[in-house]
């Protein structure tokens, strides 16, 4: 498709967009389009909800990281006591299903261990 701004005989490198490409229509969606949109919307909603619950249960992984780092940690006695306290609190909060609070507590222990 040639427009008035392009020299004759030269093909553009990129597709040329004209006003016809941006026309506004008042056409309603067809039945086929509607039947495609519903499953896609349901799939996206399910993915978002499952991602939120999957992120909430990474407390055990954080606890394993803390345990592994404690084996090789060279910290003062007070720092070791703080890490153990935060790790125990994080485990208790996880068991009480307070996952965000558990993650926040475990992060404090991980900061001391620098992991």
N, C-alpha and C. Protein backbone atom coordinates (compact mmCIF):
# COMPACT_ATOMS: atom_id res chain seq x y z
N UNK A 1 0.85 -1.15 0.00
CA UNK A 1 0.00 0.00 0.00
C UNK A 1 0.91 1.23 0.00
N UNK A 2 0.68 2.12 -0.90
CA UNK A 2 1.51 3.31 -1.06
C UNK A 2 0.74 4.52 -0.57
N UNK A 3 1.41 5.39 0.20
CA UNK A 3 0.75 6.62 0.59
C UNK A 3 1.42 7.79 -0.10
N UNK A 4 0.91 8.97 0.09
CA UNK A 4 1.37 10.13 -0.66
C UNK A 4 2.76 10.61 -0.24
N UNK A 5 3.26 10.17 0.91
CA UNK A 5 4.55 10.65 1.39
C UNK A 5 5.71 9.75 1.00
N UNK A 6 5.44 8.67 0.38
CA UNK A 6 6.51 7.73 0.05
C UNK A 6 6.84 7.85 -1.44
N UNK A 7 8.13 7.91 -1.76
CA UNK A 7 8.52 8.04 -3.18
C UNK A 7 8.11 6.80 -3.98
N UNK A 8 7.77 6.96 -5.24
CA UNK A 8 7.35 5.81 -6.05
C UNK A 8 8.51 4.85 -6.30
N UNK A 9 8.22 3.58 -6.30
CA UNK A 9 9.20 2.56 -6.62
C UNK A 9 10.07 2.13 -5.44
N UNK A 10 9.95 2.74 -4.28
CA UNK A 10 10.76 2.37 -3.12
C UNK A 10 9.84 1.77 -2.08
N UNK A 11 10.16 0.56 -1.66
CA UNK A 11 9.36 -0.09 -0.63
C UNK A 11 9.88 0.34 0.74
N UNK A 12 8.99 0.64 1.64
CA UNK A 12 9.45 1.04 2.98
C UNK A 12 10.03 -0.15 3.73
N UNK A 13 10.99 0.12 4.64
CA UNK A 13 11.57 -0.95 5.44
C UNK A 13 10.57 -1.47 6.46
N UNK A 14 9.81 -0.59 7.04
CA UNK A 14 8.84 -0.95 8.06
C UNK A 14 7.45 -0.72 7.51
N UNK A 15 6.47 -1.41 8.02
CA UNK A 15 5.11 -1.19 7.54
C UNK A 15 4.69 0.26 7.81
N UNK A 16 4.07 0.85 6.84
CA UNK A 16 3.61 2.23 6.97
C UNK A 16 2.19 2.20 7.53
N UNK A 17 2.00 2.90 8.65
CA UNK A 17 0.68 2.97 9.24
C UNK A 17 -0.02 4.21 8.74
N UNK A 18 -1.22 4.04 8.31
CA UNK A 18 -2.01 5.17 7.83
C UNK A 18 -3.19 5.37 8.76
N UNK A 19 -3.97 6.38 8.50
CA UNK A 19 -5.13 6.65 9.33
C UNK A 19 -6.15 5.51 9.29
N UNK A 20 -6.11 4.72 8.22
CA UNK A 20 -7.04 3.60 8.13
C UNK A 20 -6.78 2.57 9.22
N UNK A 21 -5.53 2.45 9.67
CA UNK A 21 -5.20 1.49 10.71
C UNK A 21 -5.74 1.91 12.07
N UNK A 22 -6.01 3.18 12.25
CA UNK A 22 -6.45 3.69 13.54
C UNK A 22 -7.91 4.12 13.53
N UNK A 23 -8.67 3.56 12.63
CA UNK A 23 -10.08 3.96 12.54
C UNK A 23 -10.85 3.43 13.76
N UNK A 24 -11.79 4.22 14.20
CA UNK A 24 -12.60 3.88 15.35
C UNK A 24 -13.92 3.33 14.84
N UNK A 25 -14.27 2.16 15.33
CA UNK A 25 -15.53 1.56 14.90
C UNK A 25 -16.43 1.36 16.10
N UNK A 26 -17.68 1.24 15.84
CA UNK A 26 -18.65 0.99 16.91
C UNK A 26 -19.16 -0.44 16.85
N UNK A 27 -18.41 -1.31 16.20
CA UNK A 27 -18.81 -2.69 16.04
C UNK A 27 -18.76 -3.41 17.39
N UNK A 28 -19.79 -4.17 17.70
CA UNK A 28 -19.80 -4.94 18.93
C UNK A 28 -19.04 -6.25 18.71
N UNK A 29 -18.66 -6.87 19.80
CA UNK A 29 -17.91 -8.12 19.69
C UNK A 29 -18.85 -9.24 19.24
N UNK A 30 -18.28 -10.18 18.54
CA UNK A 30 -19.06 -11.31 18.06
C UNK A 30 -19.14 -12.38 19.15
N UNK A 31 -19.98 -13.34 18.93
CA UNK A 31 -20.14 -14.43 19.88
C UNK A 31 -18.84 -15.20 20.04
N UNK A 32 -18.10 -15.41 18.94
CA UNK A 32 -16.84 -16.13 19.01
C UNK A 32 -15.81 -15.38 19.85
N UNK A 33 -15.76 -14.05 19.69
CA UNK A 33 -14.82 -13.27 20.48
C UNK A 33 -15.16 -13.34 21.97
N UNK A 34 -16.44 -13.32 22.28
CA UNK A 34 -16.86 -13.40 23.67
C UNK A 34 -16.53 -14.75 24.28
N UNK A 35 -16.70 -15.81 23.52
CA UNK A 35 -16.41 -17.15 24.05
C UNK A 35 -14.92 -17.36 24.24
N UNK A 36 -14.10 -16.63 23.52
CA UNK A 36 -12.65 -16.73 23.71
C UNK A 36 -12.22 -15.90 24.92
N UNK A 37 -12.84 -14.76 25.14
CA UNK A 37 -12.44 -13.87 26.22
C UNK A 37 -12.73 -14.46 27.60
N UNK A 38 -13.82 -15.18 27.74
CA UNK A 38 -14.18 -15.72 29.05
C UNK A 38 -13.14 -16.70 29.59
N UNK A 39 -12.73 -17.71 28.84
CA UNK A 39 -11.72 -18.63 29.37
C UNK A 39 -10.37 -17.95 29.63
N UNK A 40 -10.01 -17.00 28.78
CA UNK A 40 -8.74 -16.30 28.99
C UNK A 40 -8.79 -15.49 30.28
N UNK A 41 -9.90 -14.81 30.51
CA UNK A 41 -10.06 -14.03 31.74
C UNK A 41 -10.03 -14.95 32.96
N UNK A 42 -10.68 -16.08 32.88
CA UNK A 42 -10.68 -17.03 34.00
C UNK A 42 -9.28 -17.58 34.25
N UNK A 43 -8.55 -17.84 33.18
CA UNK A 43 -7.18 -18.36 33.31
C UNK A 43 -6.27 -17.32 33.97
N UNK A 44 -6.38 -16.08 33.56
CA UNK A 44 -5.57 -15.03 34.16
C UNK A 44 -5.90 -14.82 35.64
N UNK A 45 -7.18 -14.86 35.97
CA UNK A 45 -7.58 -14.69 37.37
C UNK A 45 -7.05 -15.84 38.21
N UNK A 46 -7.11 -17.05 37.71
CA UNK A 46 -6.59 -18.21 38.43
C UNK A 46 -5.08 -18.10 38.62
N UNK A 47 -4.38 -17.64 37.59
CA UNK A 47 -2.93 -17.50 37.70
C UNK A 47 -2.55 -16.47 38.75
N UNK A 48 -3.27 -15.36 38.79
CA UNK A 48 -2.97 -14.33 39.78
C UNK A 48 -3.24 -14.82 41.20
N UNK A 49 -4.34 -15.52 41.40
CA UNK A 49 -4.65 -16.02 42.73
C UNK A 49 -3.67 -17.09 43.19
N UNK A 50 -3.29 -17.97 42.29
CA UNK A 50 -2.36 -19.03 42.69
C UNK A 50 -0.97 -18.47 42.92
N UNK A 51 -0.58 -17.43 42.22
CA UNK A 51 0.73 -16.82 42.44
C UNK A 51 0.79 -16.20 43.83
N UNK A 52 -0.30 -15.61 44.27
CA UNK A 52 -0.33 -15.01 45.60
C UNK A 52 -0.20 -16.04 46.70
N UNK A 53 -0.87 -17.17 46.55
CA UNK A 53 -0.77 -18.21 47.58
C UNK A 53 0.57 -18.92 47.52
N UNK A 54 1.16 -19.03 46.35
CA UNK A 54 2.47 -19.68 46.25
C UNK A 54 3.54 -18.84 46.92
N UNK A 55 3.44 -17.53 46.81
CA UNK A 55 4.42 -16.67 47.45
C UNK A 55 4.28 -16.68 48.96
N UNK A 56 3.09 -16.95 49.46
CA UNK A 56 2.86 -16.91 50.89
C UNK A 56 3.52 -18.08 51.61
N UNK A 57 3.85 -19.13 50.92
CA UNK A 57 4.38 -20.32 51.57
C UNK A 57 5.87 -20.51 51.35
N UNK A 58 6.65 -19.44 51.21
CA UNK A 58 8.08 -19.63 51.07
C UNK A 58 8.79 -19.52 52.41
N UNK A 59 8.04 -19.52 53.51
CA UNK A 59 8.63 -19.47 54.85
C UNK A 59 9.55 -20.68 55.10
N UNK A 60 9.14 -21.90 54.78
CA UNK A 60 10.04 -23.04 55.02
C UNK A 60 11.34 -22.94 54.23
N UNK A 61 11.28 -22.41 53.02
CA UNK A 61 12.51 -22.24 52.24
C UNK A 61 13.44 -21.24 52.91
N UNK A 62 12.87 -20.15 53.45
CA UNK A 62 13.69 -19.17 54.17
C UNK A 62 14.31 -19.80 55.41
N UNK A 63 13.53 -20.62 56.11
CA UNK A 63 14.06 -21.27 57.32
C UNK A 63 15.22 -22.21 56.97
N UNK A 64 15.12 -22.91 55.85
CA UNK A 64 16.21 -23.80 55.43
C UNK A 64 17.46 -23.00 55.08
N UNK A 65 17.26 -21.83 54.44
CA UNK A 65 18.40 -20.98 54.12
C UNK A 65 19.10 -20.51 55.40
N UNK A 66 18.29 -20.14 56.39
CA UNK A 66 18.85 -19.68 57.67
C UNK A 66 19.62 -20.80 58.34
N UNK A 67 19.02 -22.01 58.37
CA UNK A 67 19.69 -23.15 59.00
C UNK A 67 21.02 -23.48 58.30
N UNK A 68 21.02 -23.42 56.96
CA UNK A 68 22.25 -23.72 56.22
C UNK A 68 23.32 -22.66 56.49
N UNK A 69 22.90 -21.40 56.56
CA UNK A 69 23.87 -20.32 56.80
C UNK A 69 24.40 -20.36 58.23
N UNK A 70 23.58 -20.81 59.17
CA UNK A 70 24.02 -20.86 60.57
C UNK A 70 25.15 -21.87 60.76
N UNK A 71 25.18 -22.90 59.93
CA UNK A 71 26.23 -23.92 60.06
C UNK A 71 27.61 -23.33 59.80
N UNK A 72 27.70 -22.35 58.92
CA UNK A 72 29.00 -21.77 58.56
C UNK A 72 29.16 -20.33 59.03
N UNK A 73 28.24 -19.84 59.83
CA UNK A 73 28.26 -18.43 60.23
C UNK A 73 29.34 -18.16 61.26
N UNK A 74 29.99 -17.02 61.09
CA UNK A 74 30.99 -16.56 62.06
C UNK A 74 30.45 -15.26 62.64
N UNK A 75 29.56 -15.41 63.62
CA UNK A 75 28.89 -14.27 64.23
C UNK A 75 29.21 -14.22 65.72
N UNK A 76 28.92 -13.08 66.30
CA UNK A 76 29.08 -12.97 67.75
C UNK A 76 27.97 -13.74 68.44
N UNK A 77 28.13 -13.99 69.72
CA UNK A 77 27.13 -14.76 70.47
C UNK A 77 25.79 -14.04 70.50
N UNK A 78 25.82 -12.72 70.59
CA UNK A 78 24.55 -11.97 70.62
C UNK A 78 23.83 -12.05 69.27
N UNK A 79 24.60 -12.01 68.16
CA UNK A 79 23.98 -12.13 66.83
C UNK A 79 23.41 -13.52 66.61
N UNK A 80 24.12 -14.53 67.08
CA UNK A 80 23.61 -15.90 66.95
C UNK A 80 22.32 -16.05 67.74
N UNK A 81 22.26 -15.47 68.93
CA UNK A 81 21.05 -15.54 69.74
C UNK A 81 19.90 -14.82 69.04
N UNK A 82 20.17 -13.67 68.41
CA UNK A 82 19.11 -12.94 67.68
C UNK A 82 18.60 -13.76 66.51
N UNK A 83 19.53 -14.37 65.76
CA UNK A 83 19.12 -15.17 64.60
C UNK A 83 18.25 -16.34 65.04
N UNK A 84 18.65 -17.02 66.12
CA UNK A 84 17.86 -18.15 66.61
C UNK A 84 16.49 -17.69 67.08
N UNK A 85 16.44 -16.52 67.72
CA UNK A 85 15.16 -15.99 68.19
C UNK A 85 14.25 -15.66 67.01
N UNK A 86 14.79 -14.97 66.00
CA UNK A 86 13.99 -14.62 64.83
C UNK A 86 13.54 -15.86 64.06
N UNK A 87 14.41 -16.85 63.98
CA UNK A 87 14.06 -18.09 63.27
C UNK A 87 12.94 -18.83 63.99
N UNK A 88 13.00 -18.88 65.33
CA UNK A 88 11.95 -19.55 66.11
C UNK A 88 10.63 -18.79 66.00
N UNK A 89 10.71 -17.45 66.06
CA UNK A 89 9.48 -16.65 65.91
C UNK A 89 8.88 -16.84 64.52
N UNK A 90 9.74 -16.88 63.50
CA UNK A 90 9.26 -17.08 62.13
C UNK A 90 8.57 -18.42 61.96
N UNK A 91 9.14 -19.46 62.58
CA UNK A 91 8.52 -20.78 62.50
C UNK A 91 7.17 -20.81 63.20
N UNK A 92 7.10 -20.14 64.36
CA UNK A 92 5.83 -20.10 65.10
C UNK A 92 4.77 -19.33 64.33
N UNK A 93 5.16 -18.22 63.72
CA UNK A 93 4.20 -17.44 62.93
C UNK A 93 3.75 -18.22 61.70
N UNK A 94 4.65 -18.98 61.09
CA UNK A 94 4.28 -19.80 59.93
C UNK A 94 3.25 -20.84 60.34
N UNK A 95 3.47 -21.48 61.48
CA UNK A 95 2.51 -22.49 61.96
C UNK A 95 1.16 -21.86 62.28
N UNK A 96 1.17 -20.59 62.71
CA UNK A 96 -0.07 -19.88 63.02
C UNK A 96 -0.71 -19.30 61.75
N UNK A 97 -0.13 -19.60 60.59
CA UNK A 97 -0.62 -19.15 59.29
C UNK A 97 -0.60 -17.63 59.14
N UNK A 98 0.37 -17.00 59.80
CA UNK A 98 0.61 -15.57 59.64
C UNK A 98 1.87 -15.43 58.78
N UNK A 99 1.70 -15.70 57.49
CA UNK A 99 2.84 -15.84 56.60
C UNK A 99 3.61 -14.55 56.38
N UNK A 100 2.91 -13.44 56.22
CA UNK A 100 3.63 -12.19 55.98
C UNK A 100 4.47 -11.80 57.19
N UNK A 101 3.91 -11.97 58.37
CA UNK A 101 4.67 -11.67 59.59
C UNK A 101 5.85 -12.64 59.73
N UNK A 102 5.64 -13.88 59.34
CA UNK A 102 6.71 -14.87 59.39
C UNK A 102 7.84 -14.48 58.45
N UNK A 103 7.50 -14.09 57.24
CA UNK A 103 8.52 -13.69 56.26
C UNK A 103 9.28 -12.47 56.77
N UNK A 104 8.56 -11.49 57.33
CA UNK A 104 9.21 -10.29 57.85
C UNK A 104 10.21 -10.63 58.97
N UNK A 105 9.81 -11.54 59.83
CA UNK A 105 10.69 -11.95 60.93
C UNK A 105 11.91 -12.71 60.41
N UNK A 106 11.68 -13.60 59.46
CA UNK A 106 12.79 -14.37 58.90
C UNK A 106 13.76 -13.48 58.12
N UNK A 107 13.24 -12.44 57.51
CA UNK A 107 14.11 -11.50 56.78
C UNK A 107 15.09 -10.82 57.74
N UNK A 108 14.63 -10.52 58.94
CA UNK A 108 15.53 -9.91 59.93
C UNK A 108 16.70 -10.85 60.25
N UNK A 109 16.39 -12.13 60.40
CA UNK A 109 17.45 -13.11 60.65
C UNK A 109 18.38 -13.22 59.45
N UNK A 110 17.82 -13.17 58.25
CA UNK A 110 18.63 -13.28 57.04
C UNK A 110 19.53 -12.05 56.86
N UNK A 111 19.05 -10.89 57.30
CA UNK A 111 19.90 -9.69 57.22
C UNK A 111 21.11 -9.82 58.13
N UNK A 112 20.90 -10.37 59.32
CA UNK A 112 22.03 -10.56 60.24
C UNK A 112 23.04 -11.53 59.64
N UNK A 113 22.53 -12.58 58.99
CA UNK A 113 23.40 -13.58 58.37
C UNK A 113 23.95 -13.12 57.02
N UNK A 114 23.42 -12.01 56.50
CA UNK A 114 23.82 -11.46 55.19
C UNK A 114 23.57 -12.44 54.06
N UNK A 115 22.35 -13.00 54.06
CA UNK A 115 21.93 -13.88 52.95
C UNK A 115 20.68 -13.33 52.33
